[in-house]
N, C-alpha and C. Protein backbone atom coordinates (compact mmCIF):
# COMPACT_ATOMS: atom_id res chain seq x y z
N UNK A 1 -13.39 -0.93 -15.52
CA UNK A 1 -14.16 -1.85 -16.35
C UNK A 1 -14.48 -3.12 -15.56
N UNK A 2 -15.52 -3.79 -15.94
CA UNK A 2 -15.91 -5.03 -15.27
C UNK A 2 -14.77 -6.04 -15.32
N UNK A 3 -14.10 -6.12 -16.46
CA UNK A 3 -13.03 -7.10 -16.59
C UNK A 3 -11.86 -6.79 -15.64
N UNK A 4 -11.69 -5.55 -15.25
CA UNK A 4 -10.62 -5.20 -14.30
C UNK A 4 -10.86 -5.86 -12.95
N UNK A 5 -12.12 -5.86 -12.50
CA UNK A 5 -12.44 -6.51 -11.23
C UNK A 5 -12.26 -8.02 -11.33
N UNK A 6 -12.58 -8.58 -12.48
CA UNK A 6 -12.42 -10.02 -12.66
C UNK A 6 -10.95 -10.43 -12.63
N UNK A 7 -10.06 -9.51 -12.96
CA UNK A 7 -8.63 -9.79 -12.95
C UNK A 7 -7.96 -9.58 -11.60
N UNK A 8 -8.72 -9.13 -10.61
CA UNK A 8 -8.18 -8.91 -9.27
C UNK A 8 -8.15 -10.23 -8.51
N UNK A 9 -6.97 -10.74 -8.25
CA UNK A 9 -6.81 -12.04 -7.61
C UNK A 9 -7.39 -12.15 -6.22
N UNK A 10 -7.42 -11.06 -5.48
CA UNK A 10 -7.91 -11.09 -4.10
C UNK A 10 -9.35 -10.62 -3.95
N UNK A 11 -10.01 -10.35 -5.07
CA UNK A 11 -11.36 -9.77 -5.02
C UNK A 11 -12.32 -10.64 -4.20
N UNK A 12 -12.39 -11.92 -4.49
CA UNK A 12 -13.29 -12.81 -3.77
C UNK A 12 -12.97 -12.89 -2.29
N UNK A 13 -11.70 -13.01 -1.97
CA UNK A 13 -11.26 -13.08 -0.57
C UNK A 13 -11.60 -11.78 0.17
N UNK A 14 -11.39 -10.66 -0.48
CA UNK A 14 -11.72 -9.38 0.15
C UNK A 14 -13.22 -9.22 0.37
N UNK A 15 -14.02 -9.69 -0.58
CA UNK A 15 -15.47 -9.65 -0.41
C UNK A 15 -15.89 -10.49 0.80
N UNK A 16 -15.30 -11.66 0.92
CA UNK A 16 -15.63 -12.54 2.05
C UNK A 16 -15.30 -11.87 3.38
N UNK A 17 -14.18 -11.19 3.44
CA UNK A 17 -13.79 -10.54 4.70
C UNK A 17 -14.68 -9.34 5.02
N UNK A 18 -15.20 -8.68 3.98
CA UNK A 18 -16.09 -7.53 4.19
C UNK A 18 -17.51 -7.96 4.54
N UNK A 19 -17.94 -9.06 3.98
CA UNK A 19 -19.30 -9.58 4.19
C UNK A 19 -20.37 -8.49 4.02
N UNK A 20 -20.43 -7.86 2.84
CA UNK A 20 -21.36 -6.74 2.64
C UNK A 20 -22.81 -7.21 2.55
N UNK A 21 -23.73 -6.34 2.97
CA UNK A 21 -25.16 -6.59 2.81
C UNK A 21 -25.60 -6.24 1.40
N UNK A 22 -24.98 -5.22 0.83
CA UNK A 22 -25.27 -4.85 -0.55
C UNK A 22 -24.05 -4.23 -1.20
N UNK A 23 -24.05 -4.29 -2.52
CA UNK A 23 -22.97 -3.72 -3.32
C UNK A 23 -23.61 -2.92 -4.45
N UNK A 24 -23.09 -1.73 -4.66
CA UNK A 24 -23.54 -0.88 -5.76
C UNK A 24 -22.43 -0.86 -6.80
N UNK A 25 -22.77 -1.28 -8.01
CA UNK A 25 -21.80 -1.35 -9.10
C UNK A 25 -22.12 -0.25 -10.11
N UNK A 26 -21.17 0.63 -10.31
CA UNK A 26 -21.34 1.73 -11.26
C UNK A 26 -20.25 1.61 -12.32
N UNK A 27 -20.57 0.90 -13.37
CA UNK A 27 -19.62 0.65 -14.46
C UNK A 27 -20.28 0.99 -15.80
N UNK A 28 -19.49 0.98 -16.84
CA UNK A 28 -20.02 1.14 -18.19
C UNK A 28 -19.49 2.32 -18.95
N UNK A 29 -19.12 3.38 -18.25
CA UNK A 29 -18.62 4.57 -18.95
C UNK A 29 -17.35 4.24 -19.72
N UNK A 30 -16.43 3.55 -19.08
CA UNK A 30 -15.17 3.23 -19.76
C UNK A 30 -15.37 2.20 -20.87
N UNK A 31 -16.29 1.26 -20.67
CA UNK A 31 -16.58 0.29 -21.73
C UNK A 31 -17.18 1.00 -22.94
N UNK A 32 -18.02 2.01 -22.70
CA UNK A 32 -18.67 2.74 -23.79
C UNK A 32 -17.72 3.67 -24.52
N UNK A 33 -16.65 4.06 -23.85
CA UNK A 33 -15.74 5.06 -24.41
C UNK A 33 -14.71 4.40 -25.33
N UNK A 34 -15.20 3.73 -26.35
CA UNK A 34 -14.35 3.06 -27.32
C UNK A 34 -15.11 2.96 -28.64
N UNK A 35 -14.38 2.88 -29.71
CA UNK A 35 -15.03 2.72 -31.01
C UNK A 35 -15.56 1.29 -31.17
N UNK A 36 -14.91 0.35 -30.52
CA UNK A 36 -15.24 -1.06 -30.69
C UNK A 36 -15.87 -1.64 -29.44
N UNK A 37 -17.03 -1.14 -29.07
CA UNK A 37 -17.73 -1.67 -27.90
C UNK A 37 -18.27 -3.05 -28.24
N UNK A 38 -17.92 -4.03 -27.42
CA UNK A 38 -18.34 -5.41 -27.63
C UNK A 38 -19.43 -5.76 -26.61
N UNK A 39 -20.66 -5.65 -27.08
CA UNK A 39 -21.82 -5.85 -26.19
C UNK A 39 -21.79 -7.22 -25.51
N UNK A 40 -21.57 -8.24 -26.31
CA UNK A 40 -21.59 -9.61 -25.77
C UNK A 40 -20.52 -9.79 -24.69
N UNK A 41 -19.34 -9.29 -24.95
CA UNK A 41 -18.23 -9.43 -23.99
C UNK A 41 -18.52 -8.64 -22.71
N UNK A 42 -19.05 -7.44 -22.84
CA UNK A 42 -19.37 -6.65 -21.66
C UNK A 42 -20.41 -7.36 -20.80
N UNK A 43 -21.47 -7.87 -21.44
CA UNK A 43 -22.50 -8.58 -20.69
C UNK A 43 -21.93 -9.82 -20.02
N UNK A 44 -21.04 -10.53 -20.70
CA UNK A 44 -20.39 -11.70 -20.10
C UNK A 44 -19.55 -11.29 -18.89
N UNK A 45 -18.78 -10.23 -19.03
CA UNK A 45 -17.93 -9.77 -17.92
C UNK A 45 -18.77 -9.30 -16.73
N UNK A 46 -19.83 -8.55 -17.00
CA UNK A 46 -20.68 -8.06 -15.93
C UNK A 46 -21.39 -9.23 -15.23
N UNK A 47 -21.86 -10.18 -16.00
CA UNK A 47 -22.51 -11.38 -15.44
C UNK A 47 -21.51 -12.16 -14.59
N UNK A 48 -20.30 -12.32 -15.07
CA UNK A 48 -19.26 -13.03 -14.31
C UNK A 48 -18.92 -12.30 -13.02
N UNK A 49 -18.89 -10.97 -13.08
CA UNK A 49 -18.61 -10.18 -11.88
C UNK A 49 -19.72 -10.38 -10.84
N UNK A 50 -20.95 -10.36 -11.27
CA UNK A 50 -22.07 -10.57 -10.36
C UNK A 50 -22.01 -11.98 -9.76
N UNK A 51 -21.70 -12.95 -10.58
CA UNK A 51 -21.57 -14.33 -10.09
C UNK A 51 -20.44 -14.44 -9.06
N UNK A 52 -19.34 -13.75 -9.34
CA UNK A 52 -18.21 -13.78 -8.41
C UNK A 52 -18.60 -13.14 -7.07
N UNK A 53 -19.34 -12.06 -7.13
CA UNK A 53 -19.81 -11.41 -5.90
C UNK A 53 -20.71 -12.37 -5.14
N UNK A 54 -21.65 -12.97 -5.81
CA UNK A 54 -22.59 -13.88 -5.15
C UNK A 54 -21.89 -15.12 -4.60
N UNK A 55 -20.88 -15.59 -5.29
CA UNK A 55 -20.14 -16.77 -4.82
C UNK A 55 -19.31 -16.47 -3.57
N UNK A 56 -19.05 -15.21 -3.31
CA UNK A 56 -18.17 -14.83 -2.20
C UNK A 56 -18.87 -14.01 -1.12
N UNK A 57 -20.20 -13.94 -1.18
CA UNK A 57 -20.96 -13.21 -0.16
C UNK A 57 -22.19 -14.03 0.21
N UNK A 58 -22.76 -13.72 1.35
CA UNK A 58 -23.99 -14.37 1.77
C UNK A 58 -25.18 -13.49 1.42
N UNK A 59 -25.93 -13.89 0.43
CA UNK A 59 -27.15 -13.19 -0.01
C UNK A 59 -26.97 -11.67 -0.09
N UNK A 60 -25.93 -11.27 -0.75
CA UNK A 60 -25.64 -9.84 -0.94
C UNK A 60 -26.57 -9.28 -2.02
N UNK A 61 -27.18 -8.15 -1.70
CA UNK A 61 -28.05 -7.47 -2.66
C UNK A 61 -27.17 -6.62 -3.56
N UNK A 62 -27.42 -6.67 -4.87
CA UNK A 62 -26.59 -5.96 -5.85
C UNK A 62 -27.45 -4.97 -6.64
N UNK A 63 -26.96 -3.74 -6.73
CA UNK A 63 -27.61 -2.70 -7.51
C UNK A 63 -26.63 -2.24 -8.58
N UNK A 64 -27.08 -2.24 -9.83
CA UNK A 64 -26.27 -1.76 -10.95
C UNK A 64 -26.71 -0.35 -11.31
N UNK A 65 -25.74 0.47 -11.67
CA UNK A 65 -25.98 1.87 -12.02
C UNK A 65 -25.53 2.08 -13.47
N UNK A 66 -26.41 2.58 -14.31
CA UNK A 66 -26.02 2.82 -15.70
C UNK A 66 -25.26 4.15 -15.82
N UNK A 67 -24.39 4.27 -16.81
CA UNK A 67 -23.74 5.56 -17.03
C UNK A 67 -24.72 6.55 -17.65
N UNK A 68 -24.40 7.82 -17.54
CA UNK A 68 -25.24 8.86 -18.13
C UNK A 68 -24.87 9.11 -19.58
N UNK A 69 -25.55 10.05 -20.17
CA UNK A 69 -25.25 10.47 -21.53
C UNK A 69 -23.92 11.23 -21.52
N UNK A 70 -23.15 11.11 -22.58
CA UNK A 70 -21.86 11.79 -22.67
C UNK A 70 -21.43 11.88 -24.13
N UNK A 71 -20.50 12.77 -24.36
CA UNK A 71 -19.89 12.88 -25.69
C UNK A 71 -18.59 12.11 -25.71
N UNK A 72 -18.13 11.82 -26.92
CA UNK A 72 -16.83 11.17 -27.10
C UNK A 72 -15.84 12.23 -27.54
N UNK A 73 -14.79 12.39 -26.77
CA UNK A 73 -13.75 13.40 -27.03
C UNK A 73 -14.32 14.82 -27.08
N UNK A 74 -15.40 15.04 -26.33
CA UNK A 74 -15.96 16.37 -26.20
C UNK A 74 -16.70 16.91 -27.41
N UNK A 75 -16.86 16.08 -28.45
CA UNK A 75 -17.48 16.63 -29.65
C UNK A 75 -18.50 15.71 -30.31
N UNK A 76 -18.27 14.43 -30.34
CA UNK A 76 -19.15 13.52 -31.08
C UNK A 76 -20.07 12.74 -30.13
N UNK A 77 -21.29 12.49 -30.58
CA UNK A 77 -22.22 11.66 -29.82
C UNK A 77 -21.59 10.28 -29.64
N UNK A 78 -21.84 9.70 -28.50
CA UNK A 78 -21.34 8.36 -28.25
C UNK A 78 -22.53 7.40 -28.14
N UNK A 79 -22.88 6.75 -29.23
CA UNK A 79 -24.03 5.85 -29.21
C UNK A 79 -23.83 4.65 -28.29
N UNK A 80 -22.59 4.37 -27.93
CA UNK A 80 -22.32 3.24 -27.04
C UNK A 80 -22.90 3.43 -25.64
N UNK A 81 -23.05 4.68 -25.20
CA UNK A 81 -23.61 4.92 -23.87
C UNK A 81 -25.00 4.31 -23.74
N UNK A 82 -25.83 4.51 -24.75
CA UNK A 82 -27.17 3.94 -24.70
C UNK A 82 -27.13 2.43 -24.82
N UNK A 83 -26.20 1.89 -25.59
CA UNK A 83 -26.06 0.43 -25.69
C UNK A 83 -25.64 -0.16 -24.35
N UNK A 84 -24.69 0.49 -23.68
CA UNK A 84 -24.25 0.03 -22.36
C UNK A 84 -25.41 0.10 -21.38
N UNK A 85 -26.17 1.18 -21.42
CA UNK A 85 -27.34 1.32 -20.56
C UNK A 85 -28.28 0.13 -20.76
N UNK A 86 -28.60 -0.18 -22.00
CA UNK A 86 -29.49 -1.30 -22.32
C UNK A 86 -28.91 -2.62 -21.84
N UNK A 87 -27.61 -2.80 -22.02
CA UNK A 87 -26.97 -4.05 -21.63
C UNK A 87 -26.94 -4.23 -20.12
N UNK A 88 -26.69 -3.15 -19.39
CA UNK A 88 -26.70 -3.23 -17.92
C UNK A 88 -28.09 -3.61 -17.42
N UNK A 89 -29.11 -3.01 -18.00
CA UNK A 89 -30.48 -3.32 -17.58
C UNK A 89 -30.82 -4.79 -17.90
N UNK A 90 -30.41 -5.27 -19.08
CA UNK A 90 -30.64 -6.67 -19.44
C UNK A 90 -29.97 -7.61 -18.44
N UNK A 91 -28.73 -7.33 -18.11
CA UNK A 91 -27.99 -8.17 -17.16
C UNK A 91 -28.64 -8.10 -15.78
N UNK A 92 -29.04 -6.90 -15.36
CA UNK A 92 -29.68 -6.74 -14.06
C UNK A 92 -30.93 -7.61 -13.97
N UNK A 93 -31.75 -7.56 -15.00
CA UNK A 93 -32.97 -8.36 -15.01
C UNK A 93 -32.66 -9.85 -15.05
N UNK A 94 -31.72 -10.25 -15.89
CA UNK A 94 -31.37 -11.67 -16.02
C UNK A 94 -30.75 -12.22 -14.73
N UNK A 95 -30.02 -11.38 -14.01
CA UNK A 95 -29.31 -11.83 -12.81
C UNK A 95 -30.07 -11.47 -11.52
N UNK A 96 -31.29 -10.99 -11.67
CA UNK A 96 -32.12 -10.63 -10.51
C UNK A 96 -31.43 -9.60 -9.62
N UNK A 97 -30.93 -8.55 -10.25
CA UNK A 97 -30.31 -7.43 -9.54
C UNK A 97 -31.22 -6.21 -9.70
N UNK A 98 -31.07 -5.28 -8.81
CA UNK A 98 -31.73 -4.00 -8.95
C UNK A 98 -30.86 -3.12 -9.84
N UNK A 99 -31.45 -2.06 -10.37
CA UNK A 99 -30.65 -1.11 -11.14
C UNK A 99 -31.23 0.29 -11.00
N UNK A 100 -30.34 1.26 -11.15
CA UNK A 100 -30.72 2.67 -11.20
C UNK A 100 -30.27 3.19 -12.55
N UNK A 101 -31.20 3.65 -13.35
CA UNK A 101 -30.93 4.05 -14.72
C UNK A 101 -30.60 5.54 -14.79
N UNK A 102 -29.34 5.86 -14.53
CA UNK A 102 -28.91 7.25 -14.55
C UNK A 102 -29.04 7.85 -15.95
N UNK A 103 -28.86 7.04 -16.99
CA UNK A 103 -29.02 7.53 -18.36
C UNK A 103 -30.42 8.12 -18.54
N UNK A 104 -31.44 7.42 -18.07
CA UNK A 104 -32.82 7.91 -18.17
C UNK A 104 -33.06 9.08 -17.21
N UNK A 105 -32.55 8.98 -16.00
CA UNK A 105 -32.72 10.06 -15.01
C UNK A 105 -32.10 11.35 -15.53
N UNK A 106 -30.97 11.23 -16.19
CA UNK A 106 -30.27 12.39 -16.74
C UNK A 106 -31.08 13.05 -17.86
N UNK A 107 -31.92 12.26 -18.53
CA UNK A 107 -32.75 12.80 -19.61
C UNK A 107 -32.60 12.05 -20.91
N UNK A 108 -31.79 10.99 -20.93
CA UNK A 108 -31.62 10.18 -22.13
C UNK A 108 -30.63 10.77 -23.11
N UNK A 109 -30.76 10.33 -24.35
CA UNK A 109 -29.84 10.75 -25.41
C UNK A 109 -29.90 12.26 -25.61
N UNK A 110 -28.75 12.88 -25.74
CA UNK A 110 -28.56 14.32 -25.93
C UNK A 110 -28.76 15.14 -24.65
N UNK A 111 -29.02 14.48 -23.53
CA UNK A 111 -29.25 15.23 -22.28
C UNK A 111 -27.97 15.87 -21.75
N UNK A 112 -26.82 15.36 -22.17
CA UNK A 112 -25.57 15.94 -21.70
C UNK A 112 -25.48 17.42 -22.09
N UNK A 113 -26.10 17.79 -23.19
CA UNK A 113 -26.08 19.20 -23.62
C UNK A 113 -26.79 20.10 -22.61
N UNK A 114 -27.95 19.66 -22.13
CA UNK A 114 -28.66 20.48 -21.14
C UNK A 114 -27.95 20.46 -19.80
N UNK A 115 -27.31 19.34 -19.45
CA UNK A 115 -26.53 19.31 -18.21
C UNK A 115 -25.34 20.26 -18.32
N UNK A 116 -24.73 20.32 -19.51
CA UNK A 116 -23.60 21.23 -19.73
C UNK A 116 -24.07 22.69 -19.64
N UNK A 117 -25.18 23.01 -20.29
CA UNK A 117 -25.67 24.39 -20.25
C UNK A 117 -26.16 24.78 -18.85
N UNK A 118 -26.47 23.78 -18.03
CA UNK A 118 -26.85 24.04 -16.63
C UNK A 118 -25.64 24.00 -15.70
N UNK A 119 -24.46 23.96 -16.31
CA UNK A 119 -23.18 23.95 -15.58
C UNK A 119 -23.05 22.77 -14.62
N UNK A 120 -23.40 21.57 -15.15
CA UNK A 120 -23.32 20.35 -14.36
C UNK A 120 -22.26 19.37 -14.87
N UNK A 121 -21.63 19.70 -16.02
CA UNK A 121 -20.58 18.83 -16.56
C UNK A 121 -19.29 19.62 -16.77
N UNK A 122 -18.23 18.88 -16.91
CA UNK A 122 -16.96 19.48 -17.31
C UNK A 122 -17.04 19.86 -18.79
N UNK A 123 -16.05 20.56 -19.28
CA UNK A 123 -16.05 20.99 -20.68
C UNK A 123 -16.06 19.81 -21.65
N UNK A 124 -15.52 18.65 -21.21
CA UNK A 124 -15.45 17.49 -22.10
C UNK A 124 -16.81 16.83 -22.32
N UNK A 125 -17.83 17.23 -21.58
CA UNK A 125 -19.17 16.65 -21.65
C UNK A 125 -19.14 15.13 -21.50
N UNK A 126 -18.15 14.66 -20.80
CA UNK A 126 -18.03 13.25 -20.44
C UNK A 126 -18.16 13.10 -18.94
N UNK A 127 -17.42 13.93 -18.23
CA UNK A 127 -17.43 13.90 -16.77
C UNK A 127 -18.35 14.98 -16.23
N UNK A 128 -18.97 14.69 -15.12
CA UNK A 128 -19.71 15.72 -14.42
C UNK A 128 -18.72 16.59 -13.67
N UNK A 129 -19.13 17.77 -13.28
CA UNK A 129 -18.30 18.60 -12.40
C UNK A 129 -18.80 18.39 -10.97
N UNK A 130 -18.24 19.12 -10.02
CA UNK A 130 -18.62 18.93 -8.62
C UNK A 130 -20.12 19.10 -8.42
N UNK A 131 -20.67 20.15 -9.00
CA UNK A 131 -22.11 20.42 -8.87
C UNK A 131 -22.93 19.27 -9.49
N UNK A 132 -22.48 18.75 -10.61
CA UNK A 132 -23.16 17.64 -11.29
C UNK A 132 -23.09 16.35 -10.49
N UNK A 133 -21.90 16.06 -9.94
CA UNK A 133 -21.76 14.84 -9.14
C UNK A 133 -22.58 14.93 -7.85
N UNK A 134 -22.68 16.12 -7.28
CA UNK A 134 -23.52 16.28 -6.08
C UNK A 134 -25.00 16.07 -6.43
N UNK A 135 -25.43 16.58 -7.56
CA UNK A 135 -26.80 16.37 -8.00
C UNK A 135 -27.05 14.88 -8.23
N UNK A 136 -26.14 14.24 -8.95
CA UNK A 136 -26.28 12.80 -9.21
C UNK A 136 -26.36 12.03 -7.89
N UNK A 137 -25.50 12.35 -6.97
CA UNK A 137 -25.49 11.66 -5.66
C UNK A 137 -26.82 11.87 -4.94
N UNK A 138 -27.33 13.09 -4.95
CA UNK A 138 -28.60 13.36 -4.28
C UNK A 138 -29.77 12.64 -4.95
N UNK A 139 -29.78 12.62 -6.28
CA UNK A 139 -30.83 11.90 -7.01
C UNK A 139 -30.77 10.41 -6.70
N UNK A 140 -29.54 9.87 -6.70
CA UNK A 140 -29.38 8.45 -6.40
C UNK A 140 -29.81 8.14 -4.97
N UNK A 141 -29.37 8.95 -4.04
CA UNK A 141 -29.68 8.71 -2.63
C UNK A 141 -31.18 8.78 -2.37
N UNK A 142 -31.86 9.75 -2.98
CA UNK A 142 -33.31 9.85 -2.83
C UNK A 142 -34.00 8.61 -3.40
N UNK A 143 -33.58 8.19 -4.59
CA UNK A 143 -34.17 6.98 -5.20
C UNK A 143 -33.88 5.75 -4.35
N UNK A 144 -32.67 5.67 -3.85
CA UNK A 144 -32.25 4.54 -3.02
C UNK A 144 -33.11 4.46 -1.76
N UNK A 145 -33.24 5.57 -1.06
CA UNK A 145 -34.03 5.57 0.17
C UNK A 145 -35.50 5.28 -0.10
N UNK A 146 -36.06 5.88 -1.14
CA UNK A 146 -37.47 5.65 -1.45
C UNK A 146 -37.74 4.21 -1.86
N UNK A 147 -36.84 3.62 -2.61
CA UNK A 147 -37.05 2.26 -3.10
C UNK A 147 -36.78 1.20 -2.05
N UNK A 148 -35.87 1.49 -1.15
CA UNK A 148 -35.43 0.45 -0.23
C UNK A 148 -35.78 0.74 1.22
N UNK A 149 -36.74 1.64 1.41
CA UNK A 149 -37.20 1.94 2.76
C UNK A 149 -37.72 0.68 3.48
N UNK A 150 -38.47 -0.21 2.79
CA UNK A 150 -38.91 -1.44 3.49
C UNK A 150 -37.74 -2.30 3.98
N UNK A 151 -36.66 -2.34 3.22
CA UNK A 151 -35.47 -3.10 3.63
C UNK A 151 -34.91 -2.52 4.93
N UNK A 152 -34.78 -1.20 4.99
CA UNK A 152 -34.23 -0.57 6.17
C UNK A 152 -35.16 -0.74 7.38
N UNK A 153 -36.44 -0.62 7.15
CA UNK A 153 -37.40 -0.79 8.24
C UNK A 153 -37.32 -2.21 8.78
N UNK A 154 -37.23 -3.20 7.92
CA UNK A 154 -37.15 -4.59 8.39
C UNK A 154 -35.87 -4.83 9.18
N UNK A 155 -34.76 -4.19 8.80
CA UNK A 155 -33.50 -4.33 9.53
C UNK A 155 -33.61 -3.72 10.93
N UNK A 156 -34.29 -2.59 11.05
CA UNK A 156 -34.44 -1.91 12.34
C UNK A 156 -35.34 -2.74 13.27
N UNK A 157 -36.41 -3.31 12.72
CA UNK A 157 -37.35 -4.07 13.53
C UNK A 157 -36.79 -5.43 13.96
N UNK A 158 -35.77 -5.93 13.29
CA UNK A 158 -35.15 -7.19 13.67
C UNK A 158 -34.28 -7.05 14.91
N UNK A 159 -33.84 -5.82 15.20
CA UNK A 159 -32.92 -5.60 16.33
C UNK A 159 -33.66 -5.47 17.61
């Protein structure tokens, strides 16, 4: 959860020592997996995490990744997933971050059923299986390369 990173005492110091060019944040599934999802608190925590990253790095580019569609306890729809997706996108826009909307890429609400029938999720319809995670990684990597090719080209030409 976002609040877990905020509670890490050495997080800022470790970021400074790493001096990353970019950070990819993939959070929200655990926040959504509760009956009492607190939208305001999640957005505050995510915003604070982004601020902490920016305060401890030099012009680090941040990309947020939304969680996909999933069931709660393998049986009930989890409406919080879509709320978390919306909240991550709102925070990304407000904080001038990039985002990759896996919820939409996956197919949106109820898409976990087709991913399950395509043998891409575990039986719990919450977690992907190996085949599903490989697909997600490939989809993300393709989007990442296509969207940020100018960034990579500029880095190569500077050398």
